[in-house]
Amino acid sequence: MMYTIITEKKYQRGKRAKGFPKRYLPEIEEYVACLEDNPFQVRNAKKLAGGCSMYRKRFGSWRLIYSVDKKTRTVVLSDLCIRSEGTYRR
């Protein structure tokens, strides 16, 4: 059974950001398709500290932040932002 993908406003704004390199869009869409199939078998995702089910995937200097809920079988794409000191403090 597949996971449901939910996108938050920050993620949508990140994709439309002025400095966002459009060359990453196909790679991100392919990654999201893999998350839909099985979010625990994707490659190069790092679990964020803090004991929550938040992960990040790196696309150059940009980060895709997402969470996985096993009970409801959902993946929430929380943010797509450029890496900075405050990226993971949200």
N, C-alpha and C. Protein backbone atom coordinates (compact mmCIF):
# COMPACT_ATOMS: atom_id res chain seq x y z
N MET A 1 0.83 -1.18 0.00
CA MET A 1 0.00 0.00 0.00
C MET A 1 0.88 1.25 0.00
N MET A 2 0.50 2.22 -0.77
CA MET A 2 1.32 3.43 -0.94
C MET A 2 1.04 4.45 0.16
N TYR A 3 2.00 5.33 0.35
CA TYR A 3 1.86 6.43 1.30
C TYR A 3 1.23 7.62 0.58
N THR A 4 0.48 8.42 1.32
CA THR A 4 -0.11 9.65 0.79
C THR A 4 0.88 10.79 1.01
N ILE A 5 1.07 11.61 -0.02
CA ILE A 5 1.99 12.75 0.06
C ILE A 5 1.17 14.01 0.33
N ILE A 6 1.54 14.75 1.36
CA ILE A 6 0.90 16.02 1.70
C ILE A 6 1.96 17.10 1.61
N THR A 7 1.65 18.19 0.92
CA THR A 7 2.62 19.29 0.80
C THR A 7 2.14 20.49 1.60
N GLU A 8 3.03 21.06 2.37
CA GLU A 8 2.72 22.27 3.13
C GLU A 8 3.09 23.50 2.32
N LYS A 9 2.60 24.65 2.75
CA LYS A 9 2.82 25.90 2.02
C LYS A 9 4.30 26.25 1.89
N LYS A 10 5.09 25.99 2.93
CA LYS A 10 6.53 26.31 2.87
C LYS A 10 7.21 25.54 1.75
N TYR A 11 6.80 24.30 1.56
CA TYR A 11 7.37 23.48 0.49
C TYR A 11 7.02 24.09 -0.87
N GLN A 12 5.78 24.48 -1.05
CA GLN A 12 5.35 25.08 -2.32
C GLN A 12 6.08 26.40 -2.57
N ARG A 13 6.23 27.22 -1.52
CA ARG A 13 6.95 28.49 -1.68
C ARG A 13 8.41 28.26 -2.04
N GLY A 14 9.01 27.23 -1.47
CA GLY A 14 10.41 26.91 -1.77
C GLY A 14 10.61 26.57 -3.23
N LYS A 15 9.67 25.81 -3.81
CA LYS A 15 9.79 25.45 -5.22
C LYS A 15 9.66 26.67 -6.13
N ARG A 16 8.94 27.70 -5.66
CA ARG A 16 8.74 28.91 -6.47
C ARG A 16 9.71 30.03 -6.10
N ALA A 17 10.60 29.79 -5.15
CA ALA A 17 11.53 30.83 -4.69
C ALA A 17 12.39 31.33 -5.85
N LYS A 18 12.73 32.59 -5.79
CA LYS A 18 13.49 33.23 -6.86
C LYS A 18 14.82 32.55 -7.14
N GLY A 19 15.54 32.15 -6.12
CA GLY A 19 16.86 31.56 -6.30
C GLY A 19 16.88 30.05 -6.45
N PHE A 20 15.70 29.41 -6.44
CA PHE A 20 15.66 27.95 -6.50
C PHE A 20 16.08 27.46 -7.89
N PRO A 21 17.10 26.60 -7.98
CA PRO A 21 17.55 26.09 -9.28
C PRO A 21 16.55 25.08 -9.86
N LYS A 22 15.97 25.40 -10.96
CA LYS A 22 14.94 24.55 -11.59
C LYS A 22 15.51 23.20 -12.03
N ARG A 23 16.81 23.09 -12.13
CA ARG A 23 17.40 21.81 -12.55
C ARG A 23 17.16 20.71 -11.52
N TYR A 24 16.82 21.08 -10.28
CA TYR A 24 16.55 20.08 -9.24
C TYR A 24 15.11 19.55 -9.29
N LEU A 25 14.22 20.21 -10.01
CA LEU A 25 12.82 19.80 -10.01
C LEU A 25 12.60 18.35 -10.43
N PRO A 26 13.19 17.87 -11.54
CA PRO A 26 12.98 16.46 -11.90
C PRO A 26 13.50 15.50 -10.84
N GLU A 27 14.63 15.83 -10.24
CA GLU A 27 15.21 14.98 -9.20
C GLU A 27 14.30 14.95 -7.95
N ILE A 28 13.74 16.10 -7.60
CA ILE A 28 12.84 16.17 -6.45
C ILE A 28 11.57 15.38 -6.72
N GLU A 29 11.00 15.54 -7.92
CA GLU A 29 9.77 14.81 -8.26
C GLU A 29 10.01 13.30 -8.23
N GLU A 30 11.15 12.87 -8.70
CA GLU A 30 11.49 11.44 -8.67
C GLU A 30 11.64 10.96 -7.23
N TYR A 31 12.24 11.78 -6.39
CA TYR A 31 12.42 11.43 -4.98
C TYR A 31 11.07 11.33 -4.27
N VAL A 32 10.18 12.27 -4.55
CA VAL A 32 8.85 12.25 -3.94
C VAL A 32 8.09 11.00 -4.37
N ALA A 33 8.25 10.58 -5.62
CA ALA A 33 7.61 9.35 -6.09
C ALA A 33 8.13 8.14 -5.31
N CYS A 34 9.41 8.13 -5.00
CA CYS A 34 9.99 7.05 -4.19
C CYS A 34 9.45 7.08 -2.77
N LEU A 35 9.25 8.28 -2.22
CA LEU A 35 8.68 8.41 -0.88
C LEU A 35 7.27 7.83 -0.85
N GLU A 36 6.54 8.03 -1.92
CA GLU A 36 5.17 7.53 -2.00
C GLU A 36 5.14 6.00 -1.96
N ASP A 37 6.11 5.36 -2.59
CA ASP A 37 6.18 3.90 -2.59
C ASP A 37 6.58 3.36 -1.22
N ASN A 38 7.71 3.82 -0.70
CA ASN A 38 8.18 3.37 0.61
C ASN A 38 9.18 4.39 1.14
N PRO A 39 8.77 5.26 2.06
CA PRO A 39 9.66 6.32 2.55
C PRO A 39 10.84 5.83 3.37
N PHE A 40 10.85 4.56 3.74
CA PHE A 40 11.94 4.05 4.56
C PHE A 40 13.02 3.35 3.74
N GLN A 41 12.83 3.26 2.43
CA GLN A 41 13.84 2.64 1.58
C GLN A 41 14.49 3.64 0.62
N VAL A 42 14.30 4.93 0.85
CA VAL A 42 14.94 5.93 0.01
C VAL A 42 16.40 6.07 0.41
N ARG A 43 17.22 6.48 -0.55
CA ARG A 43 18.66 6.59 -0.29
C ARG A 43 19.03 8.02 0.08
N ASN A 44 20.07 8.10 0.90
CA ASN A 44 20.70 9.37 1.26
C ASN A 44 19.81 10.33 2.04
N ALA A 45 18.79 9.84 2.70
CA ALA A 45 17.98 10.68 3.58
C ALA A 45 18.57 10.59 4.98
N LYS A 46 18.58 11.69 5.68
CA LYS A 46 19.12 11.72 7.04
C LYS A 46 17.99 12.01 8.01
N LYS A 47 17.92 11.22 9.07
CA LYS A 47 16.94 11.47 10.12
C LYS A 47 17.42 12.64 10.96
N LEU A 48 16.52 13.57 11.25
CA LEU A 48 16.88 14.74 12.06
C LEU A 48 16.86 14.38 13.54
N ALA A 49 17.68 15.05 14.30
CA ALA A 49 17.78 14.80 15.74
C ALA A 49 16.52 15.27 16.45
N GLY A 50 16.28 14.74 17.61
CA GLY A 50 15.16 15.20 18.41
C GLY A 50 14.11 14.14 18.65
N GLY A 51 14.32 12.94 18.17
CA GLY A 51 13.40 11.86 18.43
C GLY A 51 12.11 11.89 17.65
N CYS A 52 12.00 12.77 16.68
CA CYS A 52 10.78 12.82 15.88
C CYS A 52 11.02 12.09 14.56
N SER A 53 10.00 11.95 13.78
CA SER A 53 10.14 11.23 12.50
C SER A 53 10.37 12.21 11.35
N MET A 54 11.26 13.17 11.56
CA MET A 54 11.59 14.16 10.53
C MET A 54 12.87 13.75 9.82
N TYR A 55 12.89 13.97 8.52
CA TYR A 55 14.03 13.62 7.70
C TYR A 55 14.39 14.79 6.81
N ARG A 56 15.60 14.72 6.24
CA ARG A 56 16.00 15.72 5.26
C ARG A 56 16.73 15.03 4.12
N LYS A 57 16.55 15.59 2.95
CA LYS A 57 17.24 15.12 1.75
C LYS A 57 17.93 16.32 1.13
N ARG A 58 19.15 16.14 0.74
CA ARG A 58 19.97 17.23 0.19
C ARG A 58 19.90 17.24 -1.33
N PHE A 59 19.67 18.43 -1.88
CA PHE A 59 19.72 18.67 -3.33
C PHE A 59 20.64 19.87 -3.52
N GLY A 60 21.92 19.63 -3.69
CA GLY A 60 22.89 20.72 -3.77
C GLY A 60 22.92 21.46 -2.44
N SER A 61 22.70 22.77 -2.46
CA SER A 61 22.67 23.54 -1.22
C SER A 61 21.24 23.68 -0.69
N TRP A 62 20.28 23.02 -1.31
CA TRP A 62 18.88 23.05 -0.89
C TRP A 62 18.54 21.80 -0.10
N ARG A 63 17.58 21.92 0.83
CA ARG A 63 17.16 20.80 1.66
C ARG A 63 15.65 20.61 1.58
N LEU A 64 15.26 19.36 1.40
CA LEU A 64 13.85 18.98 1.48
C LEU A 64 13.65 18.39 2.87
N ILE A 65 12.76 19.00 3.65
CA ILE A 65 12.46 18.54 5.01
C ILE A 65 11.09 17.88 4.97
N TYR A 66 11.00 16.66 5.52
CA TYR A 66 9.72 15.96 5.50
C TYR A 66 9.58 15.07 6.72
N SER A 67 8.34 14.68 7.01
CA SER A 67 8.08 13.76 8.12
C SER A 67 7.26 12.58 7.60
N VAL A 68 7.35 11.47 8.32
CA VAL A 68 6.65 10.25 7.94
C VAL A 68 5.81 9.78 9.13
N ASP A 69 4.54 9.49 8.86
CA ASP A 69 3.65 8.95 9.88
C ASP A 69 3.25 7.54 9.47
N LYS A 70 3.73 6.55 10.21
CA LYS A 70 3.46 5.15 9.87
C LYS A 70 2.00 4.78 10.06
N LYS A 71 1.36 5.33 11.10
CA LYS A 71 -0.02 4.97 11.41
C LYS A 71 -0.98 5.39 10.30
N THR A 72 -0.86 6.63 9.84
CA THR A 72 -1.77 7.13 8.80
C THR A 72 -1.20 6.93 7.40
N ARG A 73 0.02 6.41 7.32
CA ARG A 73 0.71 6.18 6.04
C ARG A 73 0.75 7.47 5.20
N THR A 74 1.25 8.53 5.83
CA THR A 74 1.39 9.81 5.14
C THR A 74 2.83 10.31 5.24
N VAL A 75 3.22 11.04 4.21
CA VAL A 75 4.50 11.74 4.18
C VAL A 75 4.16 13.22 4.00
N VAL A 76 4.61 14.06 4.92
CA VAL A 76 4.33 15.49 4.85
C VAL A 76 5.60 16.20 4.41
N LEU A 77 5.55 16.82 3.23
CA LEU A 77 6.67 17.61 2.73
C LEU A 77 6.57 18.98 3.38
N SER A 78 7.40 19.23 4.38
CA SER A 78 7.28 20.43 5.21
C SER A 78 7.93 21.66 4.62
N ASP A 79 9.12 21.51 4.07
CA ASP A 79 9.87 22.69 3.63
C ASP A 79 10.87 22.32 2.55
N LEU A 80 11.16 23.27 1.71
CA LEU A 80 12.21 23.17 0.71
C LEU A 80 12.95 24.50 0.79
N CYS A 81 14.16 24.48 1.37
CA CYS A 81 14.85 25.73 1.65
C CYS A 81 16.34 25.58 1.42
N ILE A 82 16.99 26.73 1.30
CA ILE A 82 18.44 26.73 1.13
C ILE A 82 19.08 26.48 2.50
N ARG A 83 20.17 25.77 2.51
CA ARG A 83 20.85 25.42 3.76
C ARG A 83 21.45 26.67 4.38
N SER A 84 21.09 26.90 5.64
CA SER A 84 21.65 28.01 6.41
C SER A 84 21.71 27.57 7.87
N GLU A 85 22.17 28.45 8.74
CA GLU A 85 22.26 28.09 10.15
C GLU A 85 20.91 27.80 10.77
N GLY A 86 19.86 28.44 10.31
CA GLY A 86 18.53 28.26 10.90
C GLY A 86 17.66 27.23 10.22
N THR A 87 18.19 26.51 9.25
CA THR A 87 17.39 25.56 8.48
C THR A 87 16.70 24.53 9.35
N TYR A 88 17.39 23.96 10.31
CA TYR A 88 16.84 22.85 11.09
C TYR A 88 16.25 23.29 12.42
N ARG A 89 16.15 24.58 12.67
CA ARG A 89 15.61 25.07 13.95
C ARG A 89 14.15 25.45 13.84
N ARG A 90 13.46 25.01 12.86
CA ARG A 90 12.07 25.42 12.64
C ARG A 90 11.10 24.56 13.36
